[in-house]
Amino acid sequence: MPEHASTVIEKDYNIGTINEVILTVIWSLSDRTVLIPMLLKCDLAKRAIGWLAQASMLAEKSRRSLISIIHNIARHDDGADELNKYDAVIIIKRYQNSKIETSDSRILVITMALALVSTPEQLKRDKKGMNSVFNQLLQLIMDASKTDRYRSDGLHVSEPLCILVKMFVVEERSLDYILYHAETEPPSDISSTIDLFVTIFIDFSHALKSTDRLEQFTLIAVLNILWSISFQNNYQQELIKNEKFLDTLKIFIENNDLENMIEQYKPRSMEGIHQATQGILHNLNLNDNEITGNNNISKHQNLSINALPVNTIKELNSKPWIMISYCHDNNEFCSEIYDLLSTCKDDFSIWIDRTHCQGAGDLWESIANGMEQSNVILCLLS
């Protein structure tokens, strides 16, 4: 195979059975995200981009593995960074625009790969055809969730979930589309879609007790999605009235030491399990004691949703607010400061982006509101 776009080959070129088998093996290996750093040492990202640059000249069977290999590499942040050294966005778009792929599943993989290597700014600018992509992503999640292995069209349910996590943060309206307007079979609505994500959370809530990296990654992804949903006032009630969700969340918190857990890999676009769980509790106006103690919301309490407290910054002026501003490279140190300050939550409240910001569309507005309402701004400089 040629290296990075170094040679032009004839149209419908067949690379031969042996090379096709080798590419299939690479495809299989790269599906294991944990192996990506090792594969990058073999210059796989550079070579894969070079192969894809000429893929339109290859016979269908010979190019079949290429976009999936690119997609698998991009699922790891190090892989996405390495791909972008070789103009991944430009080359993937060129391949996408060639219209050489006619299968919906292959076209979707191209779009997923493009989303993973694109910056938030690039994704905001390139919205053409995204509604159709969202339809396919949700359909893929629905179909995969019905199978024992949580796979459909060769993709694991975590793969479309990962794309949605990134898109929900980049563009808040994408969440509205998925919940209200997505076209699927059978038809979906806000209740059925949220219930779908809740069901996936329930099915993978045991993941921290196992050694399966894919299960844990799925748990991280779906918790981030539920966290995004919990930011929106008009969606919160769907979570609050879902008894299965609250009961499972209670058991999940009770059975896992979330503060001291050691996670497997997660991409930059996601927060960890502890942060996502705490964010959900905060947005739903619950805390660890409420949900795990005698005051948790359950079917035995018959508590009206309207009776739940809605604690916004403006409504909690009885306690002073401290805003924490920090560099995400120092996330671990910030967590130590946050945890220490949280021991005094009866004396003051804490504003931090991980519990108050999720939609990129309102990010700076949320930060500005936090600065305006806070009595003290604690800046961690590095």
Protein backbone atom coordinates (compact mmCIF):
# COMPACT_ATOMS: atom_id res chain seq x y z
CA MET A 1 0.00 0.00 0.00
CA PRO A 2 1.23 3.53 -0.70
CA GLU A 3 2.12 5.92 2.09
CA HIS A 4 0.72 9.40 2.67
CA ALA A 5 -0.70 10.25 -0.77
CA SER A 6 2.68 9.59 -2.35
CA THR A 7 1.53 7.61 -5.39
CA VAL A 8 -1.42 7.76 -7.76
CA ILE A 9 -2.90 4.41 -8.69
CA GLU A 10 -5.35 3.32 -11.33
CA LYS A 11 -9.10 3.35 -10.78
CA ASP A 12 -10.76 0.19 -9.39
CA TYR A 13 -7.36 -1.04 -8.33
CA ASN A 14 -7.45 -4.35 -6.46
CA ILE A 15 -4.83 -4.64 -3.73
CA GLY A 16 -5.10 -8.44 -3.60
CA THR A 17 -6.42 -10.96 -1.11
CA ILE A 18 -3.40 -10.93 1.20
CA ASN A 19 -3.45 -7.14 1.60
CA GLU A 20 -7.21 -7.20 2.13
CA VAL A 21 -6.78 -9.77 4.91
CA ILE A 22 -4.03 -7.65 6.48
CA LEU A 23 -6.30 -4.59 6.46
CA THR A 24 -9.08 -6.66 8.03
CA VAL A 25 -6.70 -7.68 10.83
CA ILE A 26 -5.72 -4.03 11.37
CA TRP A 27 -9.41 -3.11 11.41
CA SER A 28 -10.01 -5.72 14.11
CA LEU A 29 -7.01 -4.64 16.19
CA SER A 30 -7.87 -0.95 15.98
CA ASP A 31 -11.36 -1.72 17.26
CA ARG A 32 -9.67 -2.21 20.64
CA THR A 33 -9.22 1.41 21.71
CA VAL A 34 -6.65 0.40 24.31
CA LEU A 35 -4.33 -0.71 21.48
CA ILE A 36 -4.41 2.60 19.58
CA PRO A 37 -1.36 4.18 21.29
CA MET A 38 0.65 1.09 20.36
CA LEU A 39 -0.58 1.12 16.77
CA LEU A 40 0.28 4.81 16.47
CA LYS A 41 3.91 3.94 17.10
CA CYS A 42 3.77 1.97 13.84
CA ASP A 43 2.75 5.14 11.93
CA LEU A 44 -0.73 3.70 11.39
CA ALA A 45 -2.41 7.12 11.41
CA LYS A 46 -0.12 8.49 8.68
CA ARG A 47 -0.44 5.38 6.55
CA ALA A 48 -4.22 5.10 6.99
CA ILE A 49 -4.73 8.72 5.89
CA GLY A 50 -2.50 8.08 2.89
CA TRP A 51 -4.52 5.00 1.97
CA LEU A 52 -7.82 6.86 2.37
CA ALA A 53 -6.55 9.69 0.17
CA GLN A 54 -6.42 7.19 -2.70
CA ALA A 55 -9.37 5.04 -1.65
CA SER A 56 -11.61 6.37 -4.43
CA MET A 57 -9.26 4.64 -6.88
CA LEU A 58 -9.64 1.27 -5.18
CA ALA A 59 -12.13 -1.48 -5.84
CA GLU A 60 -14.94 -1.65 -3.29
CA LYS A 61 -13.63 -4.77 -1.58
CA SER A 62 -10.14 -3.31 -1.30
CA ARG A 63 -11.25 -0.05 0.35
CA ARG A 64 -13.87 -1.59 2.65
CA SER A 65 -11.72 -1.53 5.80
CA LEU A 66 -10.11 1.87 5.37
CA ILE A 67 -12.72 4.28 6.73
CA SER A 68 -13.44 1.94 9.65
CA ILE A 69 -9.73 1.90 10.54
CA ILE A 70 -9.70 5.71 10.45
CA HIS A 71 -12.82 5.79 12.62
CA ASN A 72 -11.31 3.38 15.14
CA ILE A 73 -8.10 5.42 15.37
CA ALA A 74 -10.11 8.62 15.89
CA ARG A 75 -12.01 7.11 18.82
CA HIS A 76 -8.86 7.66 20.89
CA ASP A 77 -7.82 11.29 21.48
CA ASP A 78 -4.19 10.48 20.69
CA GLY A 79 -5.34 8.88 17.45
CA ALA A 80 -7.45 11.90 16.48
CA ASP A 81 -4.53 14.22 17.22
CA GLU A 82 -2.19 12.11 15.12
CA LEU A 83 -4.65 11.89 12.22
CA ASN A 84 -5.01 15.66 12.21
CA LYS A 85 -1.27 16.02 11.63
CA TYR A 86 -1.99 14.66 8.14
CA ASP A 87 -5.04 16.77 7.20
CA ALA A 88 -7.58 14.18 8.32
CA VAL A 89 -10.56 16.55 8.12
CA ILE A 90 -9.74 17.59 4.55
CA ILE A 91 -9.11 14.04 3.31
CA ILE A 92 -12.16 12.53 5.03
CA LYS A 93 -14.36 15.30 3.61
CA ARG A 94 -12.90 14.73 0.16
CA TYR A 95 -13.71 11.03 0.45
CA GLN A 96 -17.19 11.87 1.74
CA ASN A 97 -17.85 14.25 -1.15
CA SER A 98 -16.71 11.70 -3.72
CA LYS A 99 -20.05 9.91 -3.12
CA ILE A 100 -18.27 6.64 -3.80
CA GLU A 101 -19.92 4.98 -0.81
CA THR A 102 -23.61 4.17 -1.25
CA SER A 103 -24.27 2.07 1.86
CA ASP A 104 -25.96 4.06 4.65
CA SER A 105 -23.88 2.30 7.29
CA ARG A 106 -20.59 3.13 5.55
CA ILE A 107 -21.66 6.74 4.99
CA LEU A 108 -22.49 6.99 8.70
CA VAL A 109 -19.04 5.68 9.69
CA ILE A 110 -17.46 8.37 7.50
CA THR A 111 -19.51 11.04 9.27
CA MET A 112 -18.67 9.61 12.70
CA ALA A 113 -14.96 9.62 11.89
CA LEU A 114 -15.22 13.21 10.70
CA ALA A 115 -16.98 14.25 13.91
CA LEU A 116 -14.25 12.68 16.04
CA VAL A 117 -11.37 14.47 14.30
CA SER A 118 -13.17 17.83 14.02
CA THR A 119 -12.86 20.63 16.54
CA PRO A 120 -16.01 22.09 18.14
CA GLU A 121 -15.64 25.15 15.91
CA GLN A 122 -15.48 22.98 12.79
CA LEU A 123 -18.56 21.04 13.86
CA LYS A 124 -20.52 24.24 14.47
CA ARG A 125 -19.69 25.49 10.98
CA ASP A 126 -20.48 22.21 9.23
CA LYS A 127 -24.13 21.45 10.08
CA LYS A 128 -25.29 20.40 6.61
CA GLY A 129 -27.13 17.10 6.69
CA MET A 130 -26.70 16.66 10.45
CA ASN A 131 -30.38 15.91 11.08
CA SER A 132 -30.12 12.83 8.88
CA VAL A 133 -26.99 11.79 10.78
CA PHE A 134 -28.78 12.20 14.12
CA ASN A 135 -31.61 10.02 12.81
CA GLN A 136 -29.12 7.29 11.92
CA LEU A 137 -27.23 7.55 15.20
CA LEU A 138 -30.37 7.21 17.30
CA GLN A 139 -31.63 4.36 15.10
CA LEU A 140 -28.29 2.61 15.53
CA ILE A 141 -28.51 2.97 19.32
CA MET A 142 -32.07 1.65 19.31
CA ASP A 143 -31.15 -1.34 17.15
CA ALA A 144 -27.97 -2.16 19.08
CA SER A 145 -29.76 -2.00 22.43
CA LYS A 146 -32.06 -4.81 21.30
CA THR A 147 -29.21 -7.28 20.78
CA ASP A 148 -27.37 -9.36 23.36
CA ARG A 149 -23.99 -7.89 22.37
CA TYR A 150 -25.25 -4.34 21.96
CA ARG A 151 -24.06 -4.26 18.35
CA SER A 152 -25.68 -3.33 15.06
CA ASP A 153 -24.13 -2.98 11.59
CA GLY A 154 -20.80 -3.98 13.11
CA LEU A 155 -20.81 -1.05 15.55
CA HIS A 156 -21.06 -1.22 19.33
CA VAL A 157 -23.67 0.98 21.02
CA SER A 158 -20.88 2.99 22.69
CA GLU A 159 -19.72 4.31 19.30
CA PRO A 160 -22.83 6.35 18.39
CA LEU A 161 -23.20 7.30 22.08
CA CYS A 162 -19.71 8.80 21.96
CA ILE A 163 -20.63 10.97 18.97
CA LEU A 164 -23.80 12.20 20.68
CA VAL A 165 -21.87 13.15 23.82
CA LYS A 166 -19.58 15.37 21.75
CA MET A 167 -22.41 16.88 19.71
CA PHE A 168 -24.57 17.62 22.77
CA VAL A 169 -21.70 19.64 24.25
CA VAL A 170 -20.85 21.39 20.99
CA GLU A 171 -24.40 22.27 19.95
CA GLU A 172 -27.20 22.25 22.50
CA ARG A 173 -29.88 22.13 19.82
CA SER A 174 -28.68 18.69 18.78
CA LEU A 175 -30.09 17.35 22.05
CA ASP A 176 -33.45 18.95 21.27
CA TYR A 177 -33.46 17.32 17.84
CA ILE A 178 -32.66 13.86 19.20
CA LEU A 179 -35.37 14.07 21.86
CA TYR A 180 -38.10 15.82 19.88
CA HIS A 181 -37.60 15.45 16.15
CA ALA A 182 -35.48 12.41 15.31
CA GLU A 183 -37.04 10.11 12.71
CA THR A 184 -36.69 6.46 13.67
CA GLU A 185 -38.47 3.15 13.27
CA PRO A 186 -40.44 2.63 15.43
CA PRO A 187 -41.08 6.35 15.97
CA SER A 188 -39.46 7.87 19.05
CA ASP A 189 -40.39 10.76 21.32
CA ILE A 190 -38.89 12.48 24.34
CA SER A 191 -40.12 9.86 26.82
CA SER A 192 -39.07 6.82 24.80
CA THR A 193 -35.67 8.30 23.94
CA ILE A 194 -34.82 9.24 27.52
CA ASP A 195 -36.05 5.82 28.60
CA LEU A 196 -33.70 4.29 26.01
CA PHE A 197 -30.70 6.05 27.55
CA VAL A 198 -31.88 5.13 31.05
CA THR A 199 -32.19 1.48 30.01
CA ILE A 200 -28.64 1.49 28.67
CA PHE A 201 -27.46 3.01 31.96
CA ILE A 202 -29.28 0.30 33.91
CA ASP A 203 -27.83 -2.45 31.71
CA PHE A 204 -24.27 -1.15 32.13
CA SER A 205 -24.51 0.06 35.74
CA HIS A 206 -22.51 -3.00 36.84
CA ALA A 207 -19.57 -2.10 34.59
CA LEU A 208 -17.33 -0.83 37.39
CA LYS A 209 -17.38 -4.30 38.92
CA SER A 210 -16.10 -5.92 35.73
CA THR A 211 -12.85 -5.69 33.80
CA ASP A 212 -14.55 -5.09 30.45
CA ARG A 213 -13.21 -1.78 29.16
CA LEU A 214 -15.94 -1.45 26.54
CA GLU A 215 -18.68 -1.82 29.15
CA GLN A 216 -17.10 0.84 31.34
CA PHE A 217 -16.68 3.18 28.37
CA THR A 218 -20.38 2.70 27.52
CA LEU A 219 -21.28 3.57 31.11
CA ILE A 220 -19.19 6.76 30.96
CA ALA A 221 -20.81 7.78 27.66
CA VAL A 222 -24.41 7.19 28.72
CA LEU A 223 -23.87 8.98 32.05
CA ASN A 224 -22.55 11.99 30.13
CA ILE A 225 -25.66 11.91 27.94
CA LEU A 226 -27.96 11.73 30.97
CA TRP A 227 -25.99 14.61 32.47
CA SER A 228 -26.60 16.68 29.32
CA ILE A 229 -30.31 15.89 29.55
CA SER A 230 -30.41 16.88 33.23
CA PHE A 231 -29.20 20.41 32.41
CA GLN A 232 -32.46 21.22 30.65
CA ASN A 233 -35.39 22.20 32.87
CA ASN A 234 -37.94 20.84 30.42
CA TYR A 235 -36.27 17.40 30.44
CA GLN A 236 -35.49 17.11 34.15
CA GLN A 237 -38.96 15.90 35.05
CA GLU A 238 -38.61 12.98 32.66
CA LEU A 239 -35.64 11.81 34.73
CA ILE A 240 -37.16 12.65 38.10
CA LYS A 241 -40.34 10.68 37.45
CA ASN A 242 -38.42 7.68 36.09
CA GLU A 243 -38.39 5.38 39.11
CA LYS A 244 -36.11 2.82 37.45
CA PHE A 245 -33.52 5.49 36.84
CA LEU A 246 -33.56 6.89 40.39
CA ASP A 247 -33.55 3.44 41.97
CA THR A 248 -30.62 2.32 39.80
CA LEU A 249 -28.75 5.57 40.45
CA LYS A 250 -29.21 5.01 44.19
CA ILE A 251 -27.85 1.46 44.01
CA PHE A 252 -25.05 2.57 41.70
CA ILE A 253 -23.86 5.23 44.16
CA GLU A 254 -24.20 2.92 47.16
CA ASN A 255 -22.28 0.06 45.54
CA ASN A 256 -19.39 2.04 44.05
CA ASP A 257 -16.73 4.26 45.61
CA LEU A 258 -16.99 6.82 42.83
CA GLU A 259 -14.59 9.33 44.36
CA ASN A 260 -11.71 6.86 44.57
CA MET A 261 -12.41 4.73 41.51
CA ILE A 262 -9.77 4.27 38.81
CA GLU A 263 -11.34 4.62 35.38
CA GLN A 264 -10.20 3.12 32.14
CA TYR A 265 -9.84 5.33 29.06
CA LYS A 266 -12.23 8.23 28.40
CA PRO A 267 -11.93 10.88 25.68
CA ARG A 268 -11.54 14.61 26.32
CA SER A 269 -15.13 15.25 25.26
CA MET A 270 -16.42 13.36 28.31
CA GLU A 271 -16.23 13.87 32.04
CA GLY A 272 -15.55 10.94 34.34
CA ILE A 273 -18.18 8.81 36.04
CA HIS A 274 -17.88 10.63 39.36
CA GLN A 275 -18.19 14.09 37.79
CA ALA A 276 -21.12 13.07 35.58
CA THR A 277 -22.96 11.42 38.47
CA GLN A 278 -22.45 14.42 40.73
CA GLY A 279 -23.58 16.69 37.90
CA ILE A 280 -26.82 14.73 37.48
CA LEU A 281 -27.50 14.84 41.23
CA HIS A 282 -26.83 18.57 41.30
CA ASN A 283 -29.05 19.34 38.31
CA LEU A 284 -31.93 17.27 39.71
CA ASN A 285 -31.51 18.96 43.10
CA LEU A 286 -30.55 15.73 44.80
CA ASN A 287 -27.43 14.88 46.75
CA ASP A 288 -25.77 11.67 47.86
CA ASN A 289 -27.57 11.67 51.20
CA GLU A 290 -30.96 12.33 49.69
CA ILE A 291 -30.76 9.65 47.06
CA THR A 292 -29.13 6.98 49.22
CA GLY A 293 -30.80 7.82 52.52
CA ASN A 294 -34.35 7.89 53.79
CA ASN A 295 -35.24 10.93 51.71
CA ASN A 296 -34.65 9.41 48.28
CA ILE A 297 -37.40 9.74 45.72
CA SER A 298 -39.08 6.43 45.08
CA LYS A 299 -42.45 4.96 44.37
CA HIS A 300 -42.99 4.45 48.10
CA GLN A 301 -42.96 8.19 48.84
CA ASN A 302 -45.57 9.38 46.35
CA LEU A 303 -43.74 12.71 46.14
CA SER A 304 -45.07 15.29 43.72
CA ILE A 305 -42.60 16.45 41.10
CA ASN A 306 -43.81 20.01 41.67
CA ALA A 307 -42.74 19.74 45.32
CA LEU A 308 -39.09 19.26 44.39
CA PRO A 309 -36.84 22.21 45.20
CA VAL A 310 -35.44 24.12 42.24
CA ASN A 311 -32.16 25.56 43.46
CA THR A 312 -30.85 28.13 41.03
CA ILE A 313 -28.14 30.61 41.93
CA LYS A 314 -30.61 33.46 42.20
CA GLU A 315 -32.88 31.50 44.56
CA LEU A 316 -30.08 30.54 46.94
CA ASN A 317 -28.90 33.96 48.02
CA SER A 318 -29.08 32.85 51.64
CA LYS A 319 -25.63 31.29 51.17
CA PRO A 320 -22.61 32.95 49.56
CA TRP A 321 -21.28 31.49 46.31
CA ILE A 322 -17.69 30.64 45.45
CA MET A 323 -16.81 30.30 41.77
CA ILE A 324 -13.80 28.15 40.84
CA SER A 325 -11.93 29.06 37.65
CA TYR A 326 -9.22 26.62 36.62
CA CYS A 327 -7.19 25.13 33.79
CA HIS A 328 -8.49 21.71 32.72
CA ASP A 329 -4.91 20.45 32.55
CA ASN A 330 -5.01 20.70 36.35
CA ASN A 331 -8.33 18.89 36.66
CA GLU A 332 -7.07 16.51 39.36
CA PHE A 333 -5.78 19.33 41.58
CA CYS A 334 -8.99 21.28 41.06
CA SER A 335 -10.97 18.22 42.13
CA GLU A 336 -9.02 18.14 45.40
CA ILE A 337 -9.84 21.81 46.05
CA TYR A 338 -13.47 21.26 45.08
CA ASP A 339 -13.81 18.21 47.34
CA LEU A 340 -12.27 20.13 50.24
CA LEU A 341 -14.59 23.10 49.79
CA SER A 342 -17.56 20.74 49.41
CA THR A 343 -17.12 19.65 53.02
CA CYS A 344 -18.36 23.13 53.97
CA LYS A 345 -21.39 23.18 51.68
CA ASP A 346 -23.65 24.16 54.58
CA ASP A 347 -21.76 27.46 54.75
CA PHE A 348 -21.51 28.29 51.05
CA SER A 349 -22.34 26.99 47.59
CA ILE A 350 -19.83 26.27 44.82
CA TRP A 351 -20.08 27.24 41.14
CA ILE A 352 -17.85 25.18 38.85
CA ASP A 353 -18.23 24.46 35.14
CA ARG A 354 -18.45 20.68 35.59
CA THR A 355 -21.77 21.03 37.42
CA HIS A 356 -23.14 24.16 35.76
CA CYS A 357 -22.03 24.01 32.11
CA GLN A 358 -22.70 21.33 29.51
CA GLY A 359 -24.02 23.00 26.35
CA ALA A 360 -21.32 24.85 24.43
CA GLY A 361 -23.93 27.19 22.99
CA ASP A 362 -24.54 28.76 26.42
CA LEU A 363 -21.10 28.09 27.92
CA TRP A 364 -19.82 31.64 28.19
CA GLU A 365 -23.22 32.99 29.18
CA SER A 366 -23.31 30.43 32.02
CA ILE A 367 -19.79 31.39 33.10
CA ALA A 368 -20.71 35.10 33.00
CA ASN A 369 -23.78 34.44 35.14
CA GLY A 370 -21.66 32.47 37.57
CA MET A 371 -19.17 35.34 37.86
CA GLU A 372 -21.96 37.87 38.36
CA GLN A 373 -23.71 35.91 41.09
CA SER A 374 -20.63 34.72 42.98
CA ASN A 375 -19.32 36.47 46.07
CA VAL A 376 -15.79 35.11 45.59
CA ILE A 377 -14.00 33.87 42.45
CA LEU A 378 -11.19 31.44 43.20
CA CYS A 379 -8.69 31.38 40.32
CA LEU A 380 -6.28 28.45 40.11
CA LEU A 381 -3.36 29.61 37.95
CA SER A 382 -0.79 27.30 36.35
